[in-house]
Amino acid sequence: MDCKTLEQQDKITTSAALARITGQSQRPESRLRALADTLFLWKQRLVERRQMRRDLDAMTPEMLCDFGLTRRSAEKLANRPFWRAD
């Protein structure tokens, strides 16, 4: 092997190692799929929280208590940004 071949092989190995360490796949299709999955999840959360805000007005304190929530904590959950999971 010449010096350039070893250098190229080292770059490939380093790239693969970095991808494994950071949890990134080497394939662009995998990264694109992960992005699509994330966007889909965010859309689901957005729809769910929008519905939660609508339903919140109709809920009595007893109904909220059944879920283990107060009105304030339910409003906090409903108004949380869609990209936040916690």
C-alpha atoms as a PDB file:
ATOM      1  CA  MET A   1       0.000   0.000   0.000  1.00  0.00           C
ATOM      2  CA  ASP A   2       1.202   3.464  -0.762  1.00  0.00           C
ATOM      3  CA  CYS A   3       0.966   6.440   1.557  1.00  0.00           C
ATOM      4  CA  LYS A   4      -2.208   7.879  -0.066  1.00  0.00           C
ATOM      5  CA  THR A   5      -4.085   4.590   0.257  1.00  0.00           C
ATOM      6  CA  LEU A   6      -3.233   4.370   3.964  1.00  0.00           C
ATOM      7  CA  GLU A   7      -4.273   7.978   4.439  1.00  0.00           C
ATOM      8  CA  GLN A   8      -7.637   7.361   2.745  1.00  0.00           C
ATOM      9  CA  GLN A   9      -8.208   4.201   4.772  1.00  0.00           C
ATOM     10  CA  ASP A  10      -7.422   6.120   7.965  1.00  0.00           C
ATOM     11  CA  LYS A  11      -9.962   8.815   7.054  1.00  0.00           C
ATOM     12  CA  ILE A  12     -12.646   6.199   6.392  1.00  0.00           C
ATOM     13  CA  THR A  13     -11.903   4.415   9.663  1.00  0.00           C
ATOM     14  CA  THR A  14     -11.948   7.697  11.603  1.00  0.00           C
ATOM     15  CA  SER A  15     -15.211   8.704   9.964  1.00  0.00           C
ATOM     16  CA  ALA A  16     -16.811   5.364  10.822  1.00  0.00           C
ATOM     17  CA  ALA A  17     -15.555   5.554  14.410  1.00  0.00           C
ATOM     18  CA  LEU A  18     -16.914   9.081  14.844  1.00  0.00           C
ATOM     19  CA  ALA A  19     -20.245   8.005  13.416  1.00  0.00           C
ATOM     20  CA  ARG A  20     -20.464   5.136  15.916  1.00  0.00           C
ATOM     21  CA  ILE A  21     -19.425   7.313  18.845  1.00  0.00           C
ATOM     22  CA  THR A  22     -21.901  10.080  18.055  1.00  0.00           C
ATOM     23  CA  GLY A  23     -24.635   7.626  17.138  1.00  0.00           C
ATOM     24  CA  GLN A  24     -24.750   8.828  13.560  1.00  0.00           C
ATOM     25  CA  SER A  25     -25.046   6.417  10.711  1.00  0.00           C
ATOM     26  CA  GLN A  26     -22.746   6.713   7.756  1.00  0.00           C
ATOM     27  CA  ARG A  27     -25.647   6.378   5.349  1.00  0.00           C
ATOM     28  CA  PRO A  28     -27.434   9.565   4.379  1.00  0.00           C
ATOM     29  CA  GLU A  29     -30.662   7.533   4.071  1.00  0.00           C
ATOM     30  CA  SER A  30     -30.476   6.648   7.769  1.00  0.00           C
ATOM     31  CA  ARG A  31     -29.969  10.254   8.763  1.00  0.00           C
ATOM     32  CA  LEU A  32     -32.823  11.316   6.504  1.00  0.00           C
ATOM     33  CA  ARG A  33     -35.056   8.644   8.039  1.00  0.00           C
ATOM     34  CA  ALA A  34     -34.130   9.798  11.560  1.00  0.00           C
ATOM     35  CA  LEU A  35     -34.975  13.371  10.601  1.00  0.00           C
ATOM     36  CA  ALA A  36     -38.315  12.293   9.125  1.00  0.00           C
ATOM     37  CA  ASP A  37     -39.108  10.299  12.293  1.00  0.00           C
ATOM     38  CA  THR A  38     -38.276  13.308  14.475  1.00  0.00           C
ATOM     39  CA  LEU A  39     -40.448  15.638  12.394  1.00  0.00           C
ATOM     40  CA  PHE A  40     -43.310  13.138  12.520  1.00  0.00           C
ATOM     41  CA  LEU A  41     -42.998  12.899  16.323  1.00  0.00           C
ATOM     42  CA  TRP A  42     -42.982  16.687  16.643  1.00  0.00           C
ATOM     43  CA  LYS A  43     -46.102  16.937  14.485  1.00  0.00           C
ATOM     44  CA  GLN A  44     -47.857  14.352  16.678  1.00  0.00           C
ATOM     45  CA  ARG A  45     -46.944  16.311  19.800  1.00  0.00           C
ATOM     46  CA  LEU A  46     -48.139  19.565  18.244  1.00  0.00           C
ATOM     47  CA  VAL A  47     -51.534  18.052  17.382  1.00  0.00           C
ATOM     48  CA  GLU A  48     -51.805  16.347  20.782  1.00  0.00           C
ATOM     49  CA  ARG A  49     -51.020  19.507  22.741  1.00  0.00           C
ATOM     50  CA  ARG A  50     -53.344  21.611  20.612  1.00  0.00           C
ATOM     51  CA  GLN A  51     -56.149  19.147  21.408  1.00  0.00           C
ATOM     52  CA  MET A  52     -55.159  19.164  25.072  1.00  0.00           C
ATOM     53  CA  ARG A  53     -55.483  22.968  25.189  1.00  0.00           C
ATOM     54  CA  ARG A  54     -58.947  22.707  23.635  1.00  0.00           C
ATOM     55  CA  ASP A  55     -60.086  19.987  26.049  1.00  0.00           C
ATOM     56  CA  LEU A  56     -58.648  21.676  29.119  1.00  0.00           C
ATOM     57  CA  ASP A  57     -61.469  24.223  29.389  1.00  0.00           C
ATOM     58  CA  ALA A  58     -64.089  21.457  29.527  1.00  0.00           C
ATOM     59  CA  MET A  59     -62.302  19.473  32.256  1.00  0.00           C
ATOM     60  CA  THR A  60     -63.480  19.787  35.828  1.00  0.00           C
ATOM     61  CA  PRO A  61     -61.012  19.790  38.725  1.00  0.00           C
ATOM     62  CA  GLU A  62     -62.173  16.245  39.544  1.00  0.00           C
ATOM     63  CA  MET A  63     -61.350  15.058  36.021  1.00  0.00           C
ATOM     64  CA  LEU A  64     -57.903  16.630  36.231  1.00  0.00           C
ATOM     65  CA  CYS A  65     -57.395  15.001  39.620  1.00  0.00           C
ATOM     66  CA  ASP A  66     -58.103  11.614  38.038  1.00  0.00           C
ATOM     67  CA  PHE A  67     -55.067  12.240  35.844  1.00  0.00           C
ATOM     68  CA  GLY A  68     -53.049  13.443  38.823  1.00  0.00           C
ATOM     69  CA  LEU A  69     -52.983  17.024  37.556  1.00  0.00           C
ATOM     70  CA  THR A  70     -53.967  20.418  38.809  1.00  0.00           C
ATOM     71  CA  ARG A  71     -55.328  23.046  36.430  1.00  0.00           C
ATOM     72  CA  ARG A  72     -51.998  24.886  36.527  1.00  0.00           C
ATOM     73  CA  SER A  73     -49.899  21.755  35.796  1.00  0.00           C
ATOM     74  CA  ALA A  74     -52.253  20.749  32.969  1.00  0.00           C
ATOM     75  CA  GLU A  75     -51.952  24.214  31.413  1.00  0.00           C
ATOM     76  CA  LYS A  76     -48.182  24.026  31.753  1.00  0.00           C
ATOM     77  CA  LEU A  77     -48.156  20.668  29.938  1.00  0.00           C
ATOM     78  CA  ALA A  78     -50.483  21.895  27.214  1.00  0.00           C
ATOM     79  CA  ASN A  79     -48.464  25.056  26.564  1.00  0.00           C
ATOM     80  CA  ARG A  80     -45.085  23.355  26.443  1.00  0.00           C
ATOM     81  CA  PRO A  81     -43.283  23.648  23.076  1.00  0.00           C
ATOM     82  CA  PHE A  82     -43.840  20.627  20.829  1.00  0.00           C
ATOM     83  CA  TRP A  83     -40.126  19.878  20.582  1.00  0.00           C
ATOM     84  CA  ARG A  84     -39.874  19.368  24.363  1.00  0.00           C
ATOM     85  CA  ALA A  85     -40.574  15.833  25.537  1.00  0.00           C
ATOM     86  CA  ASP A  86     -40.381  16.412  29.289  1.00  0.00           C
END
